[in-house]
Amino acid sequence: MHNYKALKTASKISVRKQDVDGREELQVVKKMYSPDTGEAQDDSVTVYSLSDVKREIDHCKSEVTKIEAHQAELEQLETDLKAL
C-alpha cells in the first residue's frame, strides 16, 4: 500500500477486522473525497490477507537485494574507470 504511514498519521486510513458471512476479514479503510468539491464520499474498503502482505514484503526485499547488487556493480565500474 502506497503512502500507508503518511495516510495513517493523517487519520485518512485505518485497519480493522470485520466479520463477513461468519468469517473474519482484515480490511484497510481509506477515507475518500470528491476531487471537485472536497466533500467526503463513501470510504474505500480493501480486503487483505497476512500472506499477501508477507508476499509483497518478500518481493520488496528481493528487489532491494537486486538493486544493491546492481549498485555494487556500478560502483566497481566507477572505481575502475577513475583508476584509468
PDB file of N, CA and C in Angstrom:
ATOM      1  N   MET A   1       0.847  -1.181   0.000  1.00  0.00           N
ATOM      2  CA  MET A   1       0.000   0.000   0.000  1.00  0.00           C
ATOM      3  C   MET A   1       0.884   1.232   0.000  1.00  0.00           C
ATOM      4  N   HIS A   2       0.693   2.056  -0.987  1.00  0.00           N
ATOM      5  CA  HIS A   2       1.494   3.263  -1.166  1.00  0.00           C
ATOM      6  C   HIS A   2       1.056   4.346  -0.168  1.00  0.00           C
ATOM      7  N   ASN A   3       2.011   4.970   0.516  1.00  0.00           N
ATOM      8  CA  ASN A   3       1.781   6.077   1.461  1.00  0.00           C
ATOM      9  C   ASN A   3       0.993   5.673   2.698  1.00  0.00           C
ATOM     10  N   TYR A   4       1.036   4.413   3.083  1.00  0.00           N
ATOM     11  CA  TYR A   4       0.261   3.958   4.241  1.00  0.00           C
ATOM     12  C   TYR A   4       0.604   4.739   5.499  1.00  0.00           C
ATOM     13  N   LYS A   5       1.903   4.894   5.777  1.00  0.00           N
ATOM     14  CA  LYS A   5       2.303   5.573   7.013  1.00  0.00           C
ATOM     15  C   LYS A   5       1.814   7.014   7.054  1.00  0.00           C
ATOM     16  N   ALA A   6       1.953   7.734   5.945  1.00  0.00           N
ATOM     17  CA  ALA A   6       1.516   9.129   5.900  1.00  0.00           C
ATOM     18  C   ALA A   6      -0.002   9.232   6.047  1.00  0.00           C
ATOM     19  N   LEU A   7      -0.726   8.350   5.363  1.00  0.00           N
ATOM     20  CA  LEU A   7      -2.182   8.366   5.460  1.00  0.00           C
ATOM     21  C   LEU A   7      -2.647   8.016   6.872  1.00  0.00           C
ATOM     22  N   LYS A   8      -1.965   7.078   7.510  1.00  0.00           N
ATOM     23  CA  LYS A   8      -2.313   6.691   8.874  1.00  0.00           C
ATOM     24  C   LYS A   8      -2.070   7.852   9.828  1.00  0.00           C
ATOM     25  N   THR A   9      -0.929   8.515   9.676  1.00  0.00           N
ATOM     26  CA  THR A   9      -0.602   9.660  10.522  1.00  0.00           C
ATOM     27  C   THR A   9      -1.643  10.765  10.371  1.00  0.00           C
ATOM     28  N   ALA A  10      -2.139  10.958   9.156  1.00  0.00           N
ATOM     29  CA  ALA A  10      -3.143  11.991   8.883  1.00  0.00           C
ATOM     30  C   ALA A  10      -4.570  11.518   9.181  1.00  0.00           C
ATOM     31  N   SER A  11      -4.707  10.337   9.749  1.00  0.00           N
ATOM     32  CA  SER A  11      -6.023   9.752  10.076  1.00  0.00           C
ATOM     33  C   SER A  11      -6.918   9.623   8.853  1.00  0.00           C
ATOM     34  N   LYS A  12      -6.323   9.307   7.710  1.00  0.00           N
ATOM     35  CA  LYS A  12      -7.083   9.119   6.473  1.00  0.00           C
ATOM     36  C   LYS A  12      -7.273   7.645   6.149  1.00  0.00           C
ATOM     37  N   ILE A  13      -6.652   6.777   6.957  1.00  0.00           N
ATOM     38  CA  ILE A  13      -6.720   5.342   6.693  1.00  0.00           C
ATOM     39  C   ILE A  13      -6.681   4.600   8.033  1.00  0.00           C
ATOM     40  N   SER A  14      -7.352   3.477   8.079  1.00  0.00           N
ATOM     41  CA  SER A  14      -7.343   2.661   9.297  1.00  0.00           C
ATOM     42  C   SER A  14      -7.463   1.195   8.911  1.00  0.00           C
ATOM     43  N   VAL A  15      -7.188   0.326   9.864  1.00  0.00           N
ATOM     44  CA  VAL A  15      -7.334  -1.111   9.645  1.00  0.00           C
ATOM     45  C   VAL A  15      -8.352  -1.652  10.646  1.00  0.00           C
ATOM     46  N   ARG A  16      -9.003  -2.734  10.245  1.00  0.00           N
ATOM     47  CA  ARG A  16      -9.993  -3.337  11.129  1.00  0.00           C
ATOM     48  C   ARG A  16     -10.192  -4.803  10.765  1.00  0.00           C
ATOM     49  N   LYS A  17     -10.728  -5.547  11.735  1.00  0.00           N
ATOM     50  CA  LYS A  17     -11.196  -6.913  11.493  1.00  0.00           C
ATOM     51  C   LYS A  17     -12.705  -6.827  11.367  1.00  0.00           C
ATOM     52  N   GLN A  18     -13.230  -7.493  10.364  1.00  0.00           N
ATOM     53  CA  GLN A  18     -14.667  -7.445  10.131  1.00  0.00           C
ATOM     54  C   GLN A  18     -15.178  -8.861   9.936  1.00  0.00           C
ATOM     55  N   ASP A  19     -16.300  -9.188  10.572  1.00  0.00           N
ATOM     56  CA  ASP A  19     -16.930 -10.486  10.379  1.00  0.00           C
ATOM     57  C   ASP A  19     -17.839 -10.406   9.157  1.00  0.00           C
ATOM     58  N   VAL A  20     -17.526 -11.194   8.131  1.00  0.00           N
ATOM     59  CA  VAL A  20     -18.310 -11.200   6.903  1.00  0.00           C
ATOM     60  C   VAL A  20     -18.769 -12.629   6.644  1.00  0.00           C
ATOM     61  N   ASP A  21     -20.056 -12.846   6.733  1.00  0.00           N
ATOM     62  CA  ASP A  21     -20.638 -14.172   6.496  1.00  0.00           C
ATOM     63  C   ASP A  21     -19.974 -15.250   7.348  1.00  0.00           C
ATOM     64  N   GLY A  22     -19.715 -14.931   8.590  1.00  0.00           N
ATOM     65  CA  GLY A  22     -19.163 -15.906   9.517  1.00  0.00           C
ATOM     66  C   GLY A  22     -17.663 -16.110   9.429  1.00  0.00           C
ATOM     67  N   ARG A  23     -16.986 -15.320   8.598  1.00  0.00           N
ATOM     68  CA  ARG A  23     -15.526 -15.428   8.547  1.00  0.00           C
ATOM     69  C   ARG A  23     -14.918 -14.045   8.768  1.00  0.00           C
ATOM     70  N   GLU A  24     -13.731 -14.045   9.301  1.00  0.00           N
ATOM     71  CA  GLU A  24     -13.061 -12.800   9.653  1.00  0.00           C
ATOM     72  C   GLU A  24     -12.252 -12.256   8.473  1.00  0.00           C
ATOM     73  N   GLU A  25     -12.428 -10.986   8.164  1.00  0.00           N
ATOM     74  CA  GLU A  25     -11.655 -10.315   7.117  1.00  0.00           C
ATOM     75  C   GLU A  25     -10.796  -9.227   7.738  1.00  0.00           C
ATOM     76  N   LEU A  26      -9.596  -9.084   7.197  1.00  0.00           N
ATOM     77  CA  LEU A  26      -8.725  -7.975   7.566  1.00  0.00           C
ATOM     78  C   LEU A  26      -8.905  -6.910   6.500  1.00  0.00           C
ATOM     79  N   GLN A  27      -9.297  -5.708   6.927  1.00  0.00           N
ATOM     80  CA  GLN A  27      -9.639  -4.669   5.972  1.00  0.00           C
ATOM     81  C   GLN A  27      -8.844  -3.389   6.226  1.00  0.00           C
ATOM     82  N   VAL A  28      -8.561  -2.694   5.139  1.00  0.00           N
ATOM     83  CA  VAL A  28      -7.999  -1.355   5.200  1.00  0.00           C
ATOM     84  C   VAL A  28      -9.095  -0.417   4.710  1.00  0.00           C
ATOM     85  N   VAL A  29      -9.412   0.578   5.533  1.00  0.00           N
ATOM     86  CA  VAL A  29     -10.478   1.523   5.221  1.00  0.00           C
ATOM     87  C   VAL A  29      -9.840   2.889   4.962  1.00  0.00           C
ATOM     88  N   LYS A  30     -10.083   3.413   3.768  1.00  0.00           N
ATOM     89  CA  LYS A  30      -9.489   4.690   3.364  1.00  0.00           C
ATOM     90  C   LYS A  30     -10.597   5.714   3.126  1.00  0.00           C
ATOM     91  N   LYS A  31     -10.430   6.880   3.730  1.00  0.00           N
ATOM     92  CA  LYS A  31     -11.390   7.959   3.523  1.00  0.00           C
ATOM     93  C   LYS A  31     -11.255   8.481   2.097  1.00  0.00           C
ATOM     94  N   MET A  32     -12.383   8.727   1.458  1.00  0.00           N
ATOM     95  CA  MET A  32     -12.400   9.205   0.078  1.00  0.00           C
ATOM     96  C   MET A  32     -13.109  10.560   0.019  1.00  0.00           C
ATOM     97  N   TYR A  33     -12.612  11.405  -0.868  1.00  0.00           N
ATOM     98  CA  TYR A  33     -13.176  12.740  -1.027  1.00  0.00           C
ATOM     99  C   TYR A  33     -13.356  13.044  -2.508  1.00  0.00           C
ATOM    100  N   SER A  34     -14.334  13.867  -2.820  1.00  0.00           N
ATOM    101  CA  SER A  34     -14.549  14.301  -4.195  1.00  0.00           C
ATOM    102  C   SER A  34     -13.416  15.236  -4.602  1.00  0.00           C
ATOM    103  N   PRO A  35     -12.756  14.969  -5.729  1.00  0.00           N
ATOM    104  CA  PRO A  35     -11.673  15.857  -6.159  1.00  0.00           C
ATOM    105  C   PRO A  35     -12.185  17.235  -6.585  1.00  0.00           C
ATOM    106  N   ASP A  36     -13.452  17.317  -6.946  1.00  0.00           N
ATOM    107  CA  ASP A  36     -14.021  18.589  -7.395  1.00  0.00           C
ATOM    108  C   ASP A  36     -14.473  19.476  -6.243  1.00  0.00           C
ATOM    109  N   THR A  37     -15.106  18.862  -5.247  1.00  0.00           N
ATOM    110  CA  THR A  37     -15.696  19.660  -4.165  1.00  0.00           C
ATOM    111  C   THR A  37     -15.018  19.467  -2.817  1.00  0.00           C
ATOM    112  N   GLY A  38     -14.263  18.388  -2.671  1.00  0.00           N
ATOM    113  CA  GLY A  38     -13.635  18.092  -1.384  1.00  0.00           C
ATOM    114  C   GLY A  38     -14.583  17.453  -0.392  1.00  0.00           C
ATOM    115  N   GLU A  39     -15.813  17.203  -0.810  1.00  0.00           N
ATOM    116  CA  GLU A  39     -16.787  16.583   0.085  1.00  0.00           C
ATOM    117  C   GLU A  39     -16.453  15.109   0.305  1.00  0.00           C
ATOM    118  N   ALA A  40     -16.739  14.638   1.518  1.00  0.00           N
ATOM    119  CA  ALA A  40     -16.494  13.235   1.850  1.00  0.00           C
ATOM    120  C   ALA A  40     -17.389  12.331   1.014  1.00  0.00           C
ATOM    121  N   GLN A  41     -16.824  11.221   0.573  1.00  0.00           N
ATOM    122  CA  GLN A  41     -17.569  10.198  -0.150  1.00  0.00           C
ATOM    123  C   GLN A  41     -17.511   8.913   0.665  1.00  0.00           C
ATOM    124  N   ASP A  42     -18.125   7.846   0.143  1.00  0.00           N
ATOM    125  CA  ASP A  42     -18.072   6.561   0.830  1.00  0.00           C
ATOM    126  C   ASP A  42     -16.623   6.103   0.958  1.00  0.00           C
ATOM    127  N   ASP A  43     -16.302   5.523   2.104  1.00  0.00           N
ATOM    128  CA  ASP A  43     -14.954   5.004   2.330  1.00  0.00           C
ATOM    129  C   ASP A  43     -14.640   3.877   1.359  1.00  0.00           C
ATOM    130  N   SER A  44     -13.373   3.749   1.018  1.00  0.00           N
ATOM    131  CA  SER A  44     -12.886   2.638   0.205  1.00  0.00           C
ATOM    132  C   SER A  44     -12.419   1.537   1.148  1.00  0.00           C
ATOM    133  N   VAL A  45     -12.897   0.320   0.936  1.00  0.00           N
ATOM    134  CA  VAL A  45     -12.522  -0.811   1.783  1.00  0.00           C
ATOM    135  C   VAL A  45     -11.807  -1.843   0.915  1.00  0.00           C
ATOM    136  N   THR A  46     -10.575  -2.197   1.339  1.00  0.00           N
ATOM    137  CA  THR A  46      -9.789  -3.205   0.638  1.00  0.00           C
ATOM    138  C   THR A  46      -9.498  -4.345   1.605  1.00  0.00           C
ATOM    139  N   VAL A  47      -9.746  -5.572   1.159  1.00  0.00           N
ATOM    140  CA  VAL A  47      -9.503  -6.751   1.992  1.00  0.00           C
ATOM    141  C   VAL A  47      -8.079  -7.237   1.759  1.00  0.00           C
ATOM    142  N   TYR A  48      -7.379  -7.531   2.846  1.00  0.00           N
ATOM    143  CA  TYR A  48      -6.005  -8.039   2.783  1.00  0.00           C
ATOM    144  C   TYR A  48      -5.918  -9.341   3.555  1.00  0.00           C
ATOM    145  N   SER A  49      -4.941 -10.146   3.179  1.00  0.00           N
ATOM    146  CA  SER A  49      -4.594 -11.314   3.986  1.00  0.00           C
ATOM    147  C   SER A  49      -3.145 -11.134   4.417  1.00  0.00           C
ATOM    148  N   LEU A  50      -2.813 -11.688   5.554  1.00  0.00           N
ATOM    149  CA  LEU A  50      -1.435 -11.569   6.035  1.00  0.00           C
ATOM    150  C   LEU A  50      -0.457 -12.228   5.073  1.00  0.00           C
ATOM    151  N   SER A  51      -0.878 -13.308   4.428  1.00  0.00           N
ATOM    152  CA  SER A  51       0.016 -13.985   3.485  1.00  0.00           C
ATOM    153  C   SER A  51       0.292 -13.099   2.269  1.00  0.00           C
ATOM    154  N   ASP A  52      -0.717 -12.348   1.806  1.00  0.00           N
ATOM    155  CA  ASP A  52      -0.500 -11.425   0.685  1.00  0.00           C
ATOM    156  C   ASP A  52       0.477 -10.321   1.061  1.00  0.00           C
ATOM    157  N   VAL A  53       0.315  -9.776   2.256  1.00  0.00           N
ATOM    158  CA  VAL A  53       1.219  -8.710   2.719  1.00  0.00           C
ATOM    159  C   VAL A  53       2.630  -9.259   2.874  1.00  0.00           C
ATOM    160  N   LYS A  54       2.759 -10.450   3.435  1.00  0.00           N
ATOM    161  CA  LYS A  54       4.075 -11.074   3.602  1.00  0.00           C
ATOM    162  C   LYS A  54       4.736 -11.304   2.249  1.00  0.00           C
ATOM    163  N   ARG A  55       3.969 -11.763   1.275  1.00  0.00           N
ATOM    164  CA  ARG A  55       4.489 -11.995  -0.070  1.00  0.00           C
ATOM    165  C   ARG A  55       5.000 -10.684  -0.683  1.00  0.00           C
ATOM    166  N   GLU A  56       4.266  -9.610  -0.482  1.00  0.00           N
ATOM    167  CA  GLU A  56       4.683  -8.304  -1.012  1.00  0.00           C
ATOM    168  C   GLU A  56       5.947  -7.801  -0.306  1.00  0.00           C
ATOM    169  N   ILE A  57       6.047  -8.032   0.987  1.00  0.00           N
ATOM    170  CA  ILE A  57       7.260  -7.669   1.735  1.00  0.00           C
ATOM    171  C   ILE A  57       8.450  -8.445   1.184  1.00  0.00           C
ATOM    172  N   ASP A  58       8.284  -9.737   0.979  1.00  0.00           N
ATOM    173  CA  ASP A  58       9.361 -10.569   0.440  1.00  0.00           C
ATOM    174  C   ASP A  58       9.779 -10.088  -0.950  1.00  0.00           C
ATOM    175  N   HIS A  59       8.801  -9.702  -1.760  1.00  0.00           N
ATOM    176  CA  HIS A  59       9.096  -9.188  -3.100  1.00  0.00           C
ATOM    177  C   HIS A  59       9.924  -7.898  -3.005  1.00  0.00           C
ATOM    178  N   CYS A  60       9.529  -6.994  -2.112  1.00  0.00           N
ATOM    179  CA  CYS A  60      10.275  -5.743  -1.928  1.00  0.00           C
ATOM    180  C   CYS A  60      11.701  -6.017  -1.480  1.00  0.00           C
ATOM    181  N   LYS A  61      11.873  -6.944  -0.546  1.00  0.00           N
ATOM    182  CA  LYS A  61      13.216  -7.285  -0.075  1.00  0.00           C
ATOM    183  C   LYS A  61      14.055  -7.853  -1.210  1.00  0.00           C
ATOM    184  N   SER A  62      13.456  -8.662  -2.052  1.00  0.00           N
ATOM    185  CA  SER A  62      14.154  -9.228  -3.199  1.00  0.00           C
ATOM    186  C   SER A  62      14.596  -8.122  -4.156  1.00  0.00           C
ATOM    187  N   GLU A  63      13.714  -7.171  -4.409  1.00  0.00           N
ATOM    188  CA  GLU A  63      14.048  -6.050  -5.293  1.00  0.00           C
ATOM    189  C   GLU A  63      15.175  -5.209  -4.707  1.00  0.00           C
ATOM    190  N   VAL A  64      15.158  -4.984  -3.405  1.00  0.00           N
ATOM    191  CA  VAL A  64      16.224  -4.220  -2.747  1.00  0.00           C
ATOM    192  C   VAL A  64      17.558  -4.930  -2.931  1.00  0.00           C
ATOM    193  N   THR A  65      17.574  -6.240  -2.754  1.00  0.00           N
ATOM    194  CA  THR A  65      18.790  -7.027  -2.926  1.00  0.00           C
ATOM    195  C   THR A  65      19.325  -6.893  -4.347  1.00  0.00           C
ATOM    196  N   LYS A  66      18.428  -6.968  -5.337  1.00  0.00           N
ATOM    197  CA  LYS A  66      18.840  -6.827  -6.737  1.00  0.00           C
ATOM    198  C   LYS A  66      19.400  -5.433  -7.002  1.00  0.00           C
ATOM    199  N   ILE A  67      18.747  -4.415  -6.470  1.00  0.00           N
ATOM    200  CA  ILE A  67      19.199  -3.033  -6.676  1.00  0.00           C
ATOM    201  C   ILE A  67      20.553  -2.806  -6.007  1.00  0.00           C
ATOM    202  N   GLU A  68      20.738  -3.349  -4.799  1.00  0.00           N
ATOM    203  CA  GLU A  68      22.020  -3.208  -4.108  1.00  0.00           C
ATOM    204  C   GLU A  68      23.135  -3.902  -4.888  1.00  0.00           C
ATOM    205  N   ALA A  69      22.861  -5.058  -5.476  1.00  0.00           N
ATOM    206  CA  ALA A  69      23.862  -5.762  -6.280  1.00  0.00           C
ATOM    207  C   ALA A  69      24.208  -4.948  -7.523  1.00  0.00           C
ATOM    208  N   HIS A  70      23.196  -4.371  -8.155  1.00  0.00           N
ATOM    209  CA  HIS A  70      23.425  -3.536  -9.334  1.00  0.00           C
ATOM    210  C   HIS A  70      24.248  -2.296  -8.951  1.00  0.00           C
ATOM    211  N   GLN A  71      23.936  -1.709  -7.816  1.00  0.00           N
ATOM    212  CA  GLN A  71      24.683  -0.551  -7.322  1.00  0.00           C
ATOM    213  C   GLN A  71      26.146  -0.917  -7.103  1.00  0.00           C
ATOM    214  N   ALA A  72      26.405  -2.061  -6.500  1.00  0.00           N
ATOM    215  CA  ALA A  72      27.775  -2.505  -6.255  1.00  0.00           C
ATOM    216  C   ALA A  72      28.535  -2.676  -7.569  1.00  0.00           C
ATOM    217  N   GLU A  73      27.860  -3.229  -8.577  1.00  0.00           N
ATOM    218  CA  GLU A  73      28.486  -3.386  -9.896  1.00  0.00           C
ATOM    219  C   GLU A  73      28.858  -2.028 -10.488  1.00  0.00           C
ATOM    220  N   LEU A  74      27.947  -1.081 -10.408  1.00  0.00           N
ATOM    221  CA  LEU A  74      28.214   0.254 -10.950  1.00  0.00           C
ATOM    222  C   LEU A  74      29.316   0.971 -10.176  1.00  0.00           C
ATOM    223  N   GLU A  75      29.328   0.792  -8.868  1.00  0.00           N
ATOM    224  CA  GLU A  75      30.384   1.408  -8.061  1.00  0.00           C
ATOM    225  C   GLU A  75      31.751   0.837  -8.423  1.00  0.00           C
ATOM    226  N   GLN A  76      31.812  -0.470  -8.684  1.00  0.00           N
ATOM    227  CA  GLN A  76      33.077  -1.080  -9.092  1.00  0.00           C
ATOM    228  C   GLN A  76      33.506  -0.541 -10.448  1.00  0.00           C
ATOM    229  N   LEU A  77      32.559  -0.414 -11.367  1.00  0.00           N
ATOM    230  CA  LEU A  77      32.855   0.152 -12.681  1.00  0.00           C
ATOM    231  C   LEU A  77      33.372   1.578 -12.537  1.00  0.00           C
ATOM    232  N   GLU A  78      32.725   2.363 -11.698  1.00  0.00           N
ATOM    233  CA  GLU A  78      33.160   3.751 -11.480  1.00  0.00           C
ATOM    234  C   GLU A  78      34.589   3.781 -10.938  1.00  0.00           C
ATOM    235  N   THR A  79      34.872   2.927  -9.965  1.00  0.00           N
ATOM    236  CA  THR A  79      36.229   2.865  -9.385  1.00  0.00           C
ATOM    237  C   THR A  79      37.253   2.513 -10.443  1.00  0.00           C
ATOM    238  N   ASP A  80      36.926   1.520 -11.261  1.00  0.00           N
ATOM    239  CA  ASP A  80      37.866   1.100 -12.321  1.00  0.00           C
ATOM    240  C   ASP A  80      38.061   2.205 -13.348  1.00  0.00           C
ATOM    241  N   LEU A  81      37.005   2.897 -13.711  1.00  0.00           N
ATOM    242  CA  LEU A  81      37.129   3.978 -14.693  1.00  0.00           C
ATOM    243  C   LEU A  81      37.930   5.151 -14.144  1.00  0.00           C
ATOM    244  N   LYS A  82      37.742   5.462 -12.877  1.00  0.00           N
ATOM    245  CA  LYS A  82      38.510   6.546 -12.258  1.00  0.00           C
ATOM    246  C   LYS A  82      39.988   6.221 -12.180  1.00  0.00           C
ATOM    247  N   ALA A  83      40.306   4.936 -12.084  1.00  0.00           N
ATOM    248  CA  ALA A  83      41.700   4.493 -11.964  1.00  0.00           C
ATOM    249  C   ALA A  83      42.473   4.620 -13.275  1.00  0.00           C
ATOM    250  N   LEU A  84      41.789   4.845 -14.367  1.00  0.00           N
ATOM    251  CA  LEU A  84      42.461   4.940 -15.666  1.00  0.00           C
ATOM    252  C   LEU A  84      43.255   6.230 -15.776  1.00  0.00           C
TER     253      LEU A  84
END
